[in-house]
Amino acid sequence: MRMTEQTESGAYRVAREAVRPVEGGYAGDAVERLAKFEDLREELEAAQEELSRKMAPLRAAGRTSSAQFRELMGKKLMNSQILLLLSRRGL
């Protein structure tokens, strides 16, 4: 279910029922969903760093053809694609 709509000018606005003002900011379903996207991005970025750390010793040992290295590389490529898609949408 969308919580936003695009205006004629191309800008987006949040449905009134999706947010409510609270002390110091806003709360509501739209805010929660945005927070989950931000958490996802942070988790993917942290995973990319961890994968790089795990791959470095394998690469240094010349084990780039090993199953372990290829598995890590596959995960890293998949995470990169997801991050790219999020970035293209400004998320």
PDB file of N, CA and C in Angstrom:
ATOM      1  N   MET A   1       0.835  -1.172   0.000  1.00  0.00           N
ATOM      2  CA  MET A   1       0.000   0.000   0.000  1.00  0.00           C
ATOM      3  C   MET A   1       0.887   1.246   0.000  1.00  0.00           C
ATOM      4  N   ARG A   2       0.678   2.119  -0.939  1.00  0.00           N
ATOM      5  CA  ARG A   2       1.432   3.380  -1.015  1.00  0.00           C
ATOM      6  C   ARG A   2       0.967   4.323   0.078  1.00  0.00           C
ATOM      7  N   MET A   3       1.927   5.062   0.600  1.00  0.00           N
ATOM      8  CA  MET A   3       1.624   6.092   1.584  1.00  0.00           C
ATOM      9  C   MET A   3       1.931   7.472   1.037  1.00  0.00           C
ATOM     10  N   THR A   4       2.352   7.514  -0.224  1.00  0.00           N
ATOM     11  CA  THR A   4       2.677   8.778  -0.871  1.00  0.00           C
ATOM     12  C   THR A   4       1.960   8.858  -2.203  1.00  0.00           C
ATOM     13  N   GLU A   5       1.898  10.072  -2.717  1.00  0.00           N
ATOM     14  CA  GLU A   5       1.368  10.267  -4.057  1.00  0.00           C
ATOM     15  C   GLU A   5       2.195  11.339  -4.738  1.00  0.00           C
ATOM     16  N   GLN A   6       2.268  11.251  -6.053  1.00  0.00           N
ATOM     17  CA  GLN A   6       3.033  12.221  -6.820  1.00  0.00           C
ATOM     18  C   GLN A   6       2.098  13.329  -7.281  1.00  0.00           C
ATOM     19  N   THR A   7       2.537  14.567  -7.085  1.00  0.00           N
ATOM     20  CA  THR A   7       1.737  15.709  -7.502  1.00  0.00           C
ATOM     21  C   THR A   7       1.980  15.988  -8.982  1.00  0.00           C
ATOM     22  N   GLU A   8       1.216  16.893  -9.540  1.00  0.00           N
ATOM     23  CA  GLU A   8       1.377  17.254 -10.950  1.00  0.00           C
ATOM     24  C   GLU A   8       2.757  17.832 -11.237  1.00  0.00           C
ATOM     25  N   SER A   9       3.372  18.471 -10.237  1.00  0.00           N
ATOM     26  CA  SER A   9       4.704  19.061 -10.430  1.00  0.00           C
ATOM     27  C   SER A   9       5.815  18.011 -10.371  1.00  0.00           C
ATOM     28  N   GLY A  10       5.460  16.779  -9.987  1.00  0.00           N
ATOM     29  CA  GLY A  10       6.448  15.709  -9.894  1.00  0.00           C
ATOM     30  C   GLY A  10       6.952  15.466  -8.486  1.00  0.00           C
ATOM     31  N   ALA A  11       6.612  16.353  -7.564  1.00  0.00           N
ATOM     32  CA  ALA A  11       7.012  16.182  -6.164  1.00  0.00           C
ATOM     33  C   ALA A  11       6.123  15.107  -5.519  1.00  0.00           C
ATOM     34  N   TYR A  12       6.572  14.591  -4.398  1.00  0.00           N
ATOM     35  CA  TYR A  12       5.786  13.602  -3.672  1.00  0.00           C
ATOM     36  C   TYR A  12       5.248  14.212  -2.394  1.00  0.00           C
ATOM     37  N   ARG A  13       4.098  13.744  -1.981  1.00  0.00           N
ATOM     38  CA  ARG A  13       3.566  14.143  -0.684  1.00  0.00           C
ATOM     39  C   ARG A  13       3.059  12.901   0.033  1.00  0.00           C
ATOM     40  N   VAL A  14       3.054  12.990   1.345  1.00  0.00           N
ATOM     41  CA  VAL A  14       2.639  11.870   2.188  1.00  0.00           C
ATOM     42  C   VAL A  14       1.161  12.017   2.504  1.00  0.00           C
ATOM     43  N   ALA A  15       0.456  10.911   2.475  1.00  0.00           N
ATOM     44  CA  ALA A  15      -0.955  10.923   2.844  1.00  0.00           C
ATOM     45  C   ALA A  15      -1.092  11.351   4.302  1.00  0.00           C
ATOM     46  N   ARG A  16      -2.083  12.153   4.593  1.00  0.00           N
ATOM     47  CA  ARG A  16      -2.249  12.696   5.949  1.00  0.00           C
ATOM     48  C   ARG A  16      -2.350  11.609   7.013  1.00  0.00           C
ATOM     49  N   GLU A  17      -3.014  10.529   6.674  1.00  0.00           N
ATOM     50  CA  GLU A  17      -3.186   9.470   7.676  1.00  0.00           C
ATOM     51  C   GLU A  17      -1.912   8.671   7.916  1.00  0.00           C
ATOM     52  N   ALA A  18      -0.866   8.883   7.087  1.00  0.00           N
ATOM     53  CA  ALA A  18       0.382   8.125   7.210  1.00  0.00           C
ATOM     54  C   ALA A  18       1.373   8.767   8.179  1.00  0.00           C
ATOM     55  N   VAL A  19       1.137  10.025   8.591  1.00  0.00           N
ATOM     56  CA  VAL A  19       2.028  10.696   9.550  1.00  0.00           C
ATOM     57  C   VAL A  19       1.203  11.500  10.545  1.00  0.00           C
ATOM     58  N   ARG A  20       1.830  11.757  11.674  1.00  0.00           N
ATOM     59  CA  ARG A  20       1.215  12.627  12.672  1.00  0.00           C
ATOM     60  C   ARG A  20       2.334  13.377  13.389  1.00  0.00           C
ATOM     61  N   PRO A  21       2.108  14.647  13.694  1.00  0.00           N
ATOM     62  CA  PRO A  21       3.142  15.403  14.395  1.00  0.00           C
ATOM     63  C   PRO A  21       3.291  14.908  15.833  1.00  0.00           C
ATOM     64  N   VAL A  22       4.524  14.806  16.284  1.00  0.00           N
ATOM     65  CA  VAL A  22       4.839  14.494  17.672  1.00  0.00           C
ATOM     66  C   VAL A  22       5.920  15.474  18.116  1.00  0.00           C
ATOM     67  N   GLU A  23       6.193  15.521  19.378  1.00  0.00           N
ATOM     68  CA  GLU A  23       7.202  16.443  19.875  1.00  0.00           C
ATOM     69  C   GLU A  23       8.552  16.171  19.211  1.00  0.00           C
ATOM     70  N   GLY A  24       9.086  17.168  18.551  1.00  0.00           N
ATOM     71  CA  GLY A  24      10.393  17.053  17.919  1.00  0.00           C
ATOM     72  C   GLY A  24      10.384  16.468  16.522  1.00  0.00           C
ATOM     73  N   GLY A  25       9.214  16.200  15.932  1.00  0.00           N
ATOM     74  CA  GLY A  25       9.201  15.641  14.580  1.00  0.00           C
ATOM     75  C   GLY A  25       7.863  15.042  14.208  1.00  0.00           C
ATOM     76  N   TYR A  26       7.934  13.897  13.549  1.00  0.00           N
ATOM     77  CA  TYR A  26       6.729  13.222  13.068  1.00  0.00           C
ATOM     78  C   TYR A  26       6.827  11.731  13.373  1.00  0.00           C
ATOM     79  N   ALA A  27       5.683  11.091  13.422  1.00  0.00           N
ATOM     80  CA  ALA A  27       5.600   9.638  13.610  1.00  0.00           C
ATOM     81  C   ALA A  27       4.503   9.134  12.688  1.00  0.00           C
ATOM     82  N   GLY A  28       4.397   7.837  12.585  1.00  0.00           N
ATOM     83  CA  GLY A  28       3.341   7.246  11.780  1.00  0.00           C
ATOM     84  C   GLY A  28       3.889   6.188  10.841  1.00  0.00           C
ATOM     85  N   ASP A  29       2.998   5.604  10.062  1.00  0.00           N
ATOM     86  CA  ASP A  29       3.360   4.507   9.173  1.00  0.00           C
ATOM     87  C   ASP A  29       4.411   4.915   8.140  1.00  0.00           C
ATOM     88  N   ALA A  30       4.282   6.108   7.572  1.00  0.00           N
ATOM     89  CA  ALA A  30       5.247   6.553   6.555  1.00  0.00           C
ATOM     90  C   ALA A  30       6.636   6.717   7.165  1.00  0.00           C
ATOM     91  N   VAL A  31       6.697   7.247   8.358  1.00  0.00           N
ATOM     92  CA  VAL A  31       7.980   7.417   9.038  1.00  0.00           C
ATOM     93  C   VAL A  31       8.595   6.060   9.354  1.00  0.00           C
ATOM     94  N   GLU A  32       7.784   5.139   9.799  1.00  0.00           N
ATOM     95  CA  GLU A  32       8.261   3.790  10.106  1.00  0.00           C
ATOM     96  C   GLU A  32       8.817   3.105   8.848  1.00  0.00           C
ATOM     97  N   ARG A  33       8.115   3.257   7.744  1.00  0.00           N
ATOM     98  CA  ARG A  33       8.568   2.631   6.501  1.00  0.00           C
ATOM     99  C   ARG A  33       9.893   3.237   6.040  1.00  0.00           C
ATOM    100  N   LEU A  34      10.020   4.557   6.111  1.00  0.00           N
ATOM    101  CA  LEU A  34      11.275   5.209   5.748  1.00  0.00           C
ATOM    102  C   LEU A  34      12.404   4.714   6.643  1.00  0.00           C
ATOM    103  N   ALA A  35      12.147   4.595   7.926  1.00  0.00           N
ATOM    104  CA  ALA A  35      13.168   4.112   8.863  1.00  0.00           C
ATOM    105  C   ALA A  35      13.619   2.699   8.498  1.00  0.00           C
ATOM    106  N   LYS A  36      12.701   1.866   8.057  1.00  0.00           N
ATOM    107  CA  LYS A  36      13.059   0.506   7.654  1.00  0.00           C
ATOM    108  C   LYS A  36      13.935   0.504   6.410  1.00  0.00           C
ATOM    109  N   PHE A  37      13.655   1.394   5.457  1.00  0.00           N
ATOM    110  CA  PHE A  37      14.527   1.520   4.279  1.00  0.00           C
ATOM    111  C   PHE A  37      15.919   1.966   4.697  1.00  0.00           C
ATOM    112  N   GLU A  38      15.986   2.937   5.603  1.00  0.00           N
ATOM    113  CA  GLU A  38      17.286   3.417   6.063  1.00  0.00           C
ATOM    114  C   GLU A  38      18.042   2.323   6.808  1.00  0.00           C
ATOM    115  N   ASP A  39      17.341   1.541   7.625  1.00  0.00           N
ATOM    116  CA  ASP A  39      17.976   0.412   8.323  1.00  0.00           C
ATOM    117  C   ASP A  39      18.507  -0.608   7.333  1.00  0.00           C
ATOM    118  N   LEU A  40      17.714  -0.910   6.315  1.00  0.00           N
ATOM    119  CA  LEU A  40      18.130  -1.868   5.289  1.00  0.00           C
ATOM    120  C   LEU A  40      19.409  -1.397   4.612  1.00  0.00           C
ATOM    121  N   ARG A  41      19.450  -0.125   4.231  1.00  0.00           N
ATOM    122  CA  ARG A  41      20.639   0.408   3.565  1.00  0.00           C
ATOM    123  C   ARG A  41      21.872   0.300   4.471  1.00  0.00           C
ATOM    124  N   GLU A  42      21.716   0.669   5.739  1.00  0.00           N
ATOM    125  CA  GLU A  42      22.835   0.581   6.678  1.00  0.00           C
ATOM    126  C   GLU A  42      23.303  -0.866   6.847  1.00  0.00           C
ATOM    127  N   GLU A  43      22.365  -1.800   6.924  1.00  0.00           N
ATOM    128  CA  GLU A  43      22.724  -3.218   7.054  1.00  0.00           C
ATOM    129  C   GLU A  43      23.466  -3.716   5.824  1.00  0.00           C
ATOM    130  N   LEU A  44      23.010  -3.322   4.645  1.00  0.00           N
ATOM    131  CA  LEU A  44      23.685  -3.734   3.410  1.00  0.00           C
ATOM    132  C   LEU A  44      25.090  -3.145   3.319  1.00  0.00           C
ATOM    133  N   GLU A  45      25.244  -1.881   3.706  1.00  0.00           N
ATOM    134  CA  GLU A  45      26.568  -1.253   3.670  1.00  0.00           C
ATOM    135  C   GLU A  45      27.516  -1.930   4.659  1.00  0.00           C
ATOM    136  N   ALA A  46      27.022  -2.265   5.850  1.00  0.00           N
ATOM    137  CA  ALA A  46      27.850  -2.965   6.838  1.00  0.00           C
ATOM    138  C   ALA A  46      28.218  -4.359   6.331  1.00  0.00           C
ATOM    139  N   ALA A  47      27.270  -5.027   5.690  1.00  0.00           N
ATOM    140  CA  ALA A  47      27.538  -6.363   5.138  1.00  0.00           C
ATOM    141  C   ALA A  47      28.598  -6.286   4.048  1.00  0.00           C
ATOM    142  N   GLN A  48      28.566  -5.238   3.238  1.00  0.00           N
ATOM    143  CA  GLN A  48      29.575  -5.080   2.186  1.00  0.00           C
ATOM    144  C   GLN A  48      30.971  -4.949   2.796  1.00  0.00           C
ATOM    145  N   GLU A  49      31.093  -4.179   3.848  1.00  0.00           N
ATOM    146  CA  GLU A  49      32.386  -4.035   4.512  1.00  0.00           C
ATOM    147  C   GLU A  49      32.863  -5.361   5.101  1.00  0.00           C
ATOM    148  N   GLU A  50      31.947  -6.099   5.714  1.00  0.00           N
ATOM    149  CA  GLU A  50      32.298  -7.397   6.302  1.00  0.00           C
ATOM    150  C   GLU A  50      32.717  -8.392   5.216  1.00  0.00           C
ATOM    151  N   LEU A  51      31.998  -8.402   4.112  1.00  0.00           N
ATOM    152  CA  LEU A  51      32.363  -9.297   3.011  1.00  0.00           C
ATOM    153  C   LEU A  51      33.746  -8.951   2.465  1.00  0.00           C
ATOM    154  N   SER A  52      34.040  -7.671   2.338  1.00  0.00           N
ATOM    155  CA  SER A  52      35.371  -7.253   1.866  1.00  0.00           C
ATOM    156  C   SER A  52      36.454  -7.737   2.817  1.00  0.00           C
ATOM    157  N   ARG A  53      36.200  -7.630   4.126  1.00  0.00           N
ATOM    158  CA  ARG A  53      37.177  -8.103   5.119  1.00  0.00           C
ATOM    159  C   ARG A  53      37.404  -9.610   5.009  1.00  0.00           C
ATOM    160  N   LYS A  54      36.333 -10.355   4.761  1.00  0.00           N
ATOM    161  CA  LYS A  54      36.459 -11.809   4.634  1.00  0.00           C
ATOM    162  C   LYS A  54      37.149 -12.210   3.335  1.00  0.00           C
ATOM    163  N   MET A  55      36.953 -11.428   2.285  1.00  0.00           N
ATOM    164  CA  MET A  55      37.528 -11.764   0.988  1.00  0.00           C
ATOM    165  C   MET A  55      39.010 -11.402   0.889  1.00  0.00           C
ATOM    166  N   ALA A  56      39.452 -10.407   1.626  1.00  0.00           N
ATOM    167  CA  ALA A  56      40.835  -9.928   1.518  1.00  0.00           C
ATOM    168  C   ALA A  56      41.875 -11.025   1.760  1.00  0.00           C
ATOM    169  N   PRO A  57      41.776 -11.803   2.845  1.00  0.00           N
ATOM    170  CA  PRO A  57      42.785 -12.853   3.038  1.00  0.00           C
ATOM    171  C   PRO A  57      42.731 -13.948   1.973  1.00  0.00           C
ATOM    172  N   LEU A  58      41.530 -14.251   1.493  1.00  0.00           N
ATOM    173  CA  LEU A  58      41.402 -15.246   0.428  1.00  0.00           C
ATOM    174  C   LEU A  58      42.066 -14.735  -0.849  1.00  0.00           C
ATOM    175  N   ARG A  59      41.837 -13.466  -1.153  1.00  0.00           N
ATOM    176  CA  ARG A  59      42.443 -12.868  -2.346  1.00  0.00           C
ATOM    177  C   ARG A  59      43.963 -12.849  -2.211  1.00  0.00           C
ATOM    178  N   ALA A  60      44.448 -12.491  -1.016  1.00  0.00           N
ATOM    179  CA  ALA A  60      45.893 -12.427  -0.770  1.00  0.00           C
ATOM    180  C   ALA A  60      46.539 -13.805  -0.897  1.00  0.00           C
ATOM    181  N   ALA A  61      45.797 -14.841  -0.554  1.00  0.00           N
ATOM    182  CA  ALA A  61      46.319 -16.208  -0.637  1.00  0.00           C
ATOM    183  C   ALA A  61      46.125 -16.815  -2.025  1.00  0.00           C
ATOM    184  N   GLY A  62      45.590 -16.034  -2.954  1.00  0.00           N
ATOM    185  CA  GLY A  62      45.386 -16.537  -4.308  1.00  0.00           C
ATOM    186  C   GLY A  62      44.238 -17.514  -4.438  1.00  0.00           C
ATOM    187  N   ARG A  63      43.284 -17.453  -3.513  1.00  0.00           N
ATOM    188  CA  ARG A  63      42.167 -18.401  -3.514  1.00  0.00           C
ATOM    189  C   ARG A  63      40.908 -17.801  -4.133  1.00  0.00           C
ATOM    190  N   THR A  64      41.085 -17.017  -5.188  1.00  0.00           N
ATOM    191  CA  THR A  64      39.927 -16.375  -5.814  1.00  0.00           C
ATOM    192  C   THR A  64      39.050 -17.350  -6.601  1.00  0.00           C
ATOM    193  N   SER A  65      39.540 -18.554  -6.816  1.00  0.00           N
ATOM    194  CA  SER A  65      38.736 -19.563  -7.508  1.00  0.00           C
ATOM    195  C   SER A  65      38.054 -20.516  -6.543  1.00  0.00           C
ATOM    196  N   SER A  66      38.253 -20.309  -5.242  1.00  0.00           N
ATOM    197  CA  SER A  66      37.668 -21.220  -4.251  1.00  0.00           C
ATOM    198  C   SER A  66      36.161 -21.000  -4.149  1.00  0.00           C
ATOM    199  N   ALA A  67      35.466 -22.022  -3.701  1.00  0.00           N
ATOM    200  CA  ALA A  67      34.021 -21.932  -3.529  1.00  0.00           C
ATOM    201  C   ALA A  67      33.672 -20.861  -2.499  1.00  0.00           C
ATOM    202  N   GLN A  68      34.461 -20.771  -1.448  1.00  0.00           N
ATOM    203  CA  GLN A  68      34.193 -19.783  -0.406  1.00  0.00           C
ATOM    204  C   GLN A  68      34.297 -18.363  -0.965  1.00  0.00           C
ATOM    205  N   PHE A  69      35.346 -18.089  -1.731  1.00  0.00           N
ATOM    206  CA  PHE A  69      35.526 -16.760  -2.308  1.00  0.00           C
ATOM    207  C   PHE A  69      34.377 -16.443  -3.268  1.00  0.00           C
ATOM    208  N   ARG A  70      34.017 -17.412  -4.101  1.00  0.00           N
ATOM    209  CA  ARG A  70      32.942 -17.171  -5.068  1.00  0.00           C
ATOM    210  C   ARG A  70      31.603 -16.934  -4.385  1.00  0.00           C
ATOM    211  N   GLU A  71      31.366 -17.647  -3.289  1.00  0.00           N
ATOM    212  CA  GLU A  71      30.123 -17.433  -2.534  1.00  0.00           C
ATOM    213  C   GLU A  71      30.090 -16.010  -1.968  1.00  0.00           C
ATOM    214  N   LEU A  72      31.207 -15.587  -1.375  1.00  0.00           N
ATOM    215  CA  LEU A  72      31.286 -14.232  -0.823  1.00  0.00           C
ATOM    216  C   LEU A  72      31.134 -13.188  -1.930  1.00  0.00           C
ATOM    217  N   MET A  73      31.764 -13.431  -3.067  1.00  0.00           N
ATOM    218  CA  MET A  73      31.665 -12.501  -4.187  1.00  0.00           C
ATOM    219  C   MET A  73      30.227 -12.404  -4.687  1.00  0.00           C
ATOM    220  N   GLY A  74      29.534 -13.528  -4.745  1.00  0.00           N
ATOM    221  CA  GLY A  74      28.130 -13.524  -5.159  1.00  0.00           C
ATOM    222  C   GLY A  74      27.272 -12.689  -4.228  1.00  0.00           C
ATOM    223  N   LYS A  75      27.485 -12.837  -2.929  1.00  0.00           N
ATOM    224  CA  LYS A  75      26.740 -12.040  -1.949  1.00  0.00           C
ATOM    225  C   LYS A  75      27.055 -10.556  -2.113  1.00  0.00           C
ATOM    226  N   LYS A  76      28.333 -10.263  -2.324  1.00  0.00           N
ATOM    227  CA  LYS A  76      28.746  -8.872  -2.481  1.00  0.00           C
ATOM    228  C   LYS A  76      28.124  -8.250  -3.731  1.00  0.00           C
ATOM    229  N   LEU A  77      28.088  -8.988  -4.829  1.00  0.00           N
ATOM    230  CA  LEU A  77      27.473  -8.490  -6.056  1.00  0.00           C
ATOM    231  C   LEU A  77      25.970  -8.273  -5.896  1.00  0.00           C
ATOM    232  N   MET A  78      25.311  -9.179  -5.208  1.00  0.00           N
ATOM    233  CA  MET A  78      23.875  -9.034  -4.989  1.00  0.00           C
ATOM    234  C   MET A  78      23.584  -7.807  -4.122  1.00  0.00           C
ATOM    235  N   ASN A  79      24.359  -7.639  -3.048  1.00  0.00           N
ATOM    236  CA  ASN A  79      24.194  -6.460  -2.201  1.00  0.00           C
ATOM    237  C   ASN A  79      24.447  -5.186  -2.997  1.00  0.00           C
ATOM    238  N   SER A  80      25.457  -5.202  -3.862  1.00  0.00           N
ATOM    239  CA  SER A  80      25.773  -4.035  -4.686  1.00  0.00           C
ATOM    240  C   SER A  80      24.595  -3.668  -5.585  1.00  0.00           C
ATOM    241  N   GLN A  81      23.954  -4.670  -6.157  1.00  0.00           N
ATOM    242  CA  GLN A  81      22.794  -4.411  -7.020  1.00  0.00           C
ATOM    243  C   GLN A  81      21.649  -3.781  -6.237  1.00  0.00           C
ATOM    244  N   ILE A  82      21.392  -4.305  -5.052  1.00  0.00           N
ATOM    245  CA  ILE A  82      20.315  -3.750  -4.220  1.00  0.00           C
ATOM    246  C   ILE A  82      20.642  -2.311  -3.844  1.00  0.00           C
ATOM    247  N   LEU A  83      21.890  -2.050  -3.439  1.00  0.00           N
ATOM    248  CA  LEU A  83      22.296  -0.688  -3.090  1.00  0.00           C
ATOM    249  C   LEU A  83      22.177   0.247  -4.295  1.00  0.00           C
ATOM    250  N   LEU A  84      22.516  -0.243  -5.462  1.00  0.00           N
ATOM    251  CA  LEU A  84      22.396   0.558  -6.678  1.00  0.00           C
ATOM    252  C   LEU A  84      20.937   0.922  -6.952  1.00  0.00           C
ATOM    253  N   LEU A  85      20.055  -0.064  -6.815  1.00  0.00           N
ATOM    254  CA  LEU A  85      18.624   0.209  -7.018  1.00  0.00           C
ATOM    255  C   LEU A  85      18.101   1.225  -6.012  1.00  0.00           C
ATOM    256  N   LEU A  86      18.506   1.095  -4.753  1.00  0.00           N
ATOM    257  CA  LEU A  86      18.093   2.057  -3.734  1.00  0.00           C
ATOM    258  C   LEU A  86      18.633   3.445  -4.064  1.00  0.00           C
ATOM    259  N   SER A  87      19.883   3.522  -4.482  1.00  0.00           N
ATOM    260  CA  SER A  87      20.499   4.812  -4.805  1.00  0.00           C
ATOM    261  C   SER A  87      19.799   5.487  -5.982  1.00  0.00           C
ATOM    262  N   ARG A  88      19.443   4.705  -6.982  1.00  0.00           N
ATOM    263  CA  ARG A  88      18.766   5.278  -8.153  1.00  0.00           C
ATOM    264  C   ARG A  88      17.452   5.929  -7.765  1.00  0.00           C
ATOM    265  N   ARG A  89      16.841   5.428  -6.719  1.00  0.00           N
ATOM    266  CA  ARG A  89      15.563   5.980  -6.242  1.00  0.00           C
ATOM    267  C   ARG A  89      15.753   6.992  -5.104  1.00  0.00           C
ATOM    268  N   GLY A  90      17.016   7.285  -4.781  1.00  0.00           N
ATOM    269  CA  GLY A  90      17.287   8.266  -3.729  1.00  0.00           C
ATOM    270  C   GLY A  90      17.032   7.748  -2.330  1.00  0.00           C
ATOM    271  N   LEU A  91      17.081   6.436  -2.167  1.00  0.00           N
ATOM    272  CA  LEU A  91      16.823   5.841  -0.847  1.00  0.00           C
ATOM    273  C   LEU A  91      18.107   5.420  -0.176  1.00  0.00           C
TER     274      LEU A  91
END
